[in-house]
Amino acid sequence: MKLLTFAASSSRQSINKQLATYAASLVPNANVEVLDINDFEMPLYSIDRETESGIPSLAQDFLDRIAQADAIIISFAEHNGSYTAAYKNLFDWASRINPKVYQNKPMVLLATSPGPGGANTVLTTAVTSAPYFAGEVKASLSIPSFYDNFDFVTAKITNEELDTALITTVNSLTENKQP
């Protein structure tokens, strides 16, 4: 299985990237590609900009990466209860090429934050909206209080209950697959 994973965050020290990378490592026999959305930085989307300059090729590059994957894991950072501007902009440009951005790929959606809410607000939005963009959400999970529940040395979840929940969540990508 070719598994694409990324954080919907532009932070170079993104805790969501650490979560997404760890989660992908739990998928047995997966060939994992960890994407950095900073590699897809484009001008802010506007219809005027699109009309004047067209759609940046990076939007197509992003869609091509999704097309090449068998499954996707995304971990969402939450800015003021919503998507980060960097992810929303990338998504907006990509959706101008193909409104079905997720291309019917099975997905696991995650979120984390330093606080007890675990970015659950943006995760709920992502889970609700993904099917409208051809995302097949298999499971989702919010990890609260990331710094209390993740070991940066081993790059693993330390809370046994949360780790078990994460394993169950990512295993949904391989359940009901034909051998």
Protein backbone atom coordinates (compact mmCIF):
# COMPACT_ATOMS: atom_id res chain seq x y z
CA MET A 1 0.00 0.00 0.00
CA LYS A 2 1.29 3.45 -0.92
CA LEU A 3 0.31 5.72 1.95
CA LEU A 4 0.43 9.50 1.71
CA THR A 5 0.57 11.34 5.02
CA PHE A 6 0.89 14.98 5.95
CA ALA A 7 0.01 17.63 8.47
CA ALA A 8 -2.38 20.37 7.44
CA SER A 9 0.08 22.81 8.99
CA SER A 10 2.98 24.89 7.74
CA SER A 11 4.85 24.82 11.06
CA ARG A 12 8.36 23.38 10.74
CA GLN A 13 7.95 21.89 14.23
CA SER A 14 4.39 20.75 13.64
CA ILE A 15 3.07 18.39 16.29
CA ASN A 16 0.49 17.33 13.71
CA LYS A 17 3.26 16.27 11.33
CA GLN A 18 4.79 14.22 14.14
CA LEU A 19 1.42 12.61 14.82
CA ALA A 20 0.75 11.91 11.13
CA THR A 21 4.21 10.41 10.65
CA TYR A 22 3.86 8.20 13.73
CA ALA A 23 0.37 7.11 12.70
CA ALA A 24 1.61 6.16 9.22
CA SER A 25 4.40 4.08 10.77
CA LEU A 26 1.71 1.95 12.43
CA VAL A 27 0.21 0.81 9.10
CA PRO A 28 1.68 -2.62 8.35
CA ASN A 29 3.60 -3.01 5.08
CA ALA A 30 2.91 0.55 3.97
CA ASN A 31 5.20 2.45 1.64
CA VAL A 32 4.87 5.86 3.34
CA GLU A 33 5.38 9.23 1.71
CA VAL A 34 5.45 12.11 4.19
CA LEU A 35 4.43 15.30 2.45
CA ASP A 36 5.30 18.80 3.68
CA ILE A 37 2.69 21.33 2.60
CA ASN A 38 5.41 24.02 2.68
CA ASP A 39 6.58 22.48 -0.60
CA PHE A 40 3.26 23.60 -2.11
CA GLU A 41 3.22 27.24 -1.06
CA MET A 42 1.24 29.39 -3.47
CA PRO A 43 -0.19 32.90 -3.52
CA LEU A 44 -3.46 33.35 -1.68
CA TYR A 45 -6.31 32.06 -3.77
CA SER A 46 -8.65 34.55 -5.39
CA ILE A 47 -10.76 34.32 -8.52
CA ASP A 48 -9.04 37.48 -9.78
CA ARG A 49 -5.60 35.90 -9.37
CA GLU A 50 -6.80 32.71 -11.07
CA THR A 51 -8.25 34.71 -13.99
CA GLU A 52 -5.11 36.82 -14.39
CA SER A 53 -2.40 34.19 -13.85
CA GLY A 54 -4.03 30.77 -14.01
CA ILE A 55 -3.67 28.00 -11.48
CA PRO A 56 -0.16 27.38 -10.11
CA SER A 57 1.38 24.06 -11.19
CA LEU A 58 1.96 23.21 -7.53
CA ALA A 59 -1.79 22.64 -7.14
CA GLN A 60 -1.63 19.94 -9.82
CA ASP A 61 1.49 18.49 -8.19
CA PHE A 62 -0.45 18.15 -4.92
CA LEU A 63 -3.34 16.42 -6.69
CA ASP A 64 -0.88 14.10 -8.45
CA ARG A 65 0.56 13.02 -5.09
CA ILE A 66 -2.94 12.16 -3.90
CA ALA A 67 -3.65 10.29 -7.15
CA GLN A 68 -0.53 8.15 -6.69
CA ALA A 69 -1.52 7.10 -3.15
CA ASP A 70 -3.67 4.16 -2.15
CA ALA A 71 -4.67 5.83 1.13
CA ILE A 72 -4.18 9.09 3.01
CA ILE A 73 -3.56 10.12 6.61
CA ILE A 74 -3.96 13.82 7.39
CA SER A 75 -3.47 15.42 10.79
CA PHE A 76 -5.11 18.83 11.13
CA ALA A 77 -3.75 21.73 13.11
CA GLU A 78 -6.42 24.09 14.37
CA HIS A 79 -6.19 27.85 14.01
CA ASN A 80 -9.03 29.67 15.73
CA GLY A 81 -11.30 26.65 15.40
CA SER A 82 -10.64 26.08 11.70
CA TYR A 83 -8.09 24.94 9.10
CA THR A 84 -4.73 26.62 8.91
CA ALA A 85 -4.52 29.28 6.22
CA ALA A 86 -1.71 27.33 4.52
CA TYR A 87 -3.80 24.16 4.16
CA LYS A 88 -6.98 25.97 3.20
CA ASN A 89 -5.13 27.86 0.46
CA LEU A 90 -3.55 24.68 -0.94
CA PHE A 91 -6.94 22.95 -0.84
CA ASP A 92 -8.68 25.90 -2.51
CA TRP A 93 -6.21 25.98 -5.42
CA ALA A 94 -6.35 22.19 -5.86
CA SER A 95 -10.14 22.19 -5.83
CA ARG A 96 -10.16 24.58 -8.80
CA ILE A 97 -8.56 21.79 -10.87
CA ASN A 98 -10.53 18.91 -9.40
CA PRO A 99 -13.34 19.51 -6.88
CA LYS A 100 -12.92 15.86 -5.85
CA VAL A 101 -9.57 16.68 -4.25
CA TYR A 102 -9.35 13.42 -2.25
CA GLN A 103 -10.09 11.31 -5.36
CA ASN A 104 -12.08 8.58 -3.57
CA LYS A 105 -9.11 7.58 -1.44
CA PRO A 106 -9.65 5.90 1.92
CA MET A 107 -8.58 8.33 4.62
CA VAL A 108 -7.82 8.55 8.29
CA LEU A 109 -8.20 12.05 9.68
CA LEU A 110 -6.39 13.06 12.86
CA ALA A 111 -5.86 16.21 14.88
CA THR A 112 -3.90 17.23 17.92
CA SER A 113 -3.10 20.34 19.92
CA PRO A 114 -1.27 21.24 23.11
CA GLY A 115 -4.59 21.68 24.90
CA PRO A 116 -7.30 19.30 26.08
CA GLY A 117 -9.51 19.93 23.03
CA GLY A 118 -7.06 18.18 20.71
CA ALA A 119 -8.13 20.35 17.75
CA ASN A 120 -11.43 18.50 17.74
CA THR A 121 -13.31 21.43 16.20
CA VAL A 122 -11.31 21.40 12.96
CA LEU A 123 -11.31 17.60 12.93
CA THR A 124 -15.11 17.57 13.05
CA THR A 125 -15.20 20.03 10.15
CA ALA A 126 -12.73 17.92 8.14
CA VAL A 127 -14.62 14.66 8.76
CA THR A 128 -17.93 16.29 7.81
CA SER A 129 -16.64 17.95 4.64
CA ALA A 130 -14.28 15.26 3.24
CA PRO A 131 -17.05 13.21 1.56
CA TYR A 132 -18.08 16.29 -0.45
CA PHE A 133 -14.56 16.28 -1.89
CA ALA A 134 -14.48 12.51 -2.60
CA GLY A 135 -12.78 11.54 0.64
CA GLU A 136 -13.68 8.14 2.05
CA VAL A 137 -13.17 8.72 5.77
CA LYS A 138 -12.51 5.35 7.39
CA ALA A 139 -11.88 6.72 10.89
CA SER A 140 -10.82 9.81 12.79
CA LEU A 141 -9.18 10.55 16.12
CA SER A 142 -8.28 13.60 18.16
CA ILE A 143 -5.26 13.41 20.46
CA PRO A 144 -5.57 15.93 23.32
CA SER A 145 -2.68 17.50 25.25
CA PHE A 146 -0.03 16.38 22.77
CA TYR A 147 2.97 17.35 24.89
CA ASP A 148 1.67 15.23 27.78
CA ASN A 149 0.95 12.21 25.56
CA PHE A 150 3.86 12.06 23.09
CA ASP A 151 7.52 11.21 23.65
CA PHE A 152 9.66 13.30 21.32
CA VAL A 153 12.72 11.06 21.81
CA THR A 154 10.98 7.85 20.72
CA ALA A 155 8.46 9.72 18.51
CA LYS A 156 5.58 7.67 19.92
CA ILE A 157 2.35 8.18 21.84
CA THR A 158 3.02 7.39 25.50
CA ASN A 159 -0.56 7.18 26.72
CA GLU A 160 -1.45 3.50 26.24
CA GLU A 161 -5.18 4.17 25.79
CA LEU A 162 -4.58 6.82 23.14
CA ASP A 163 -1.96 4.67 21.40
CA THR A 164 -4.38 1.73 21.23
CA ALA A 165 -7.07 4.05 19.85
CA LEU A 166 -4.62 5.34 17.23
CA ILE A 167 -3.65 1.80 16.19
CA THR A 168 -7.33 0.89 15.81
CA THR A 169 -7.91 4.08 13.83
CA VAL A 170 -5.09 3.52 11.32
CA ASN A 171 -5.95 -0.17 10.99
CA SER A 172 -9.24 0.93 9.45
CA LEU A 173 -7.26 1.67 6.28
CA THR A 174 -6.45 -2.00 5.77
CA GLU A 175 -9.64 -3.62 7.06
CA ASN A 176 -11.92 -5.31 4.51
CA LYS A 177 -9.20 -5.33 1.85
CA GLN A 178 -8.91 -8.34 -0.43
CA PRO A 179 -5.59 -10.22 -0.02
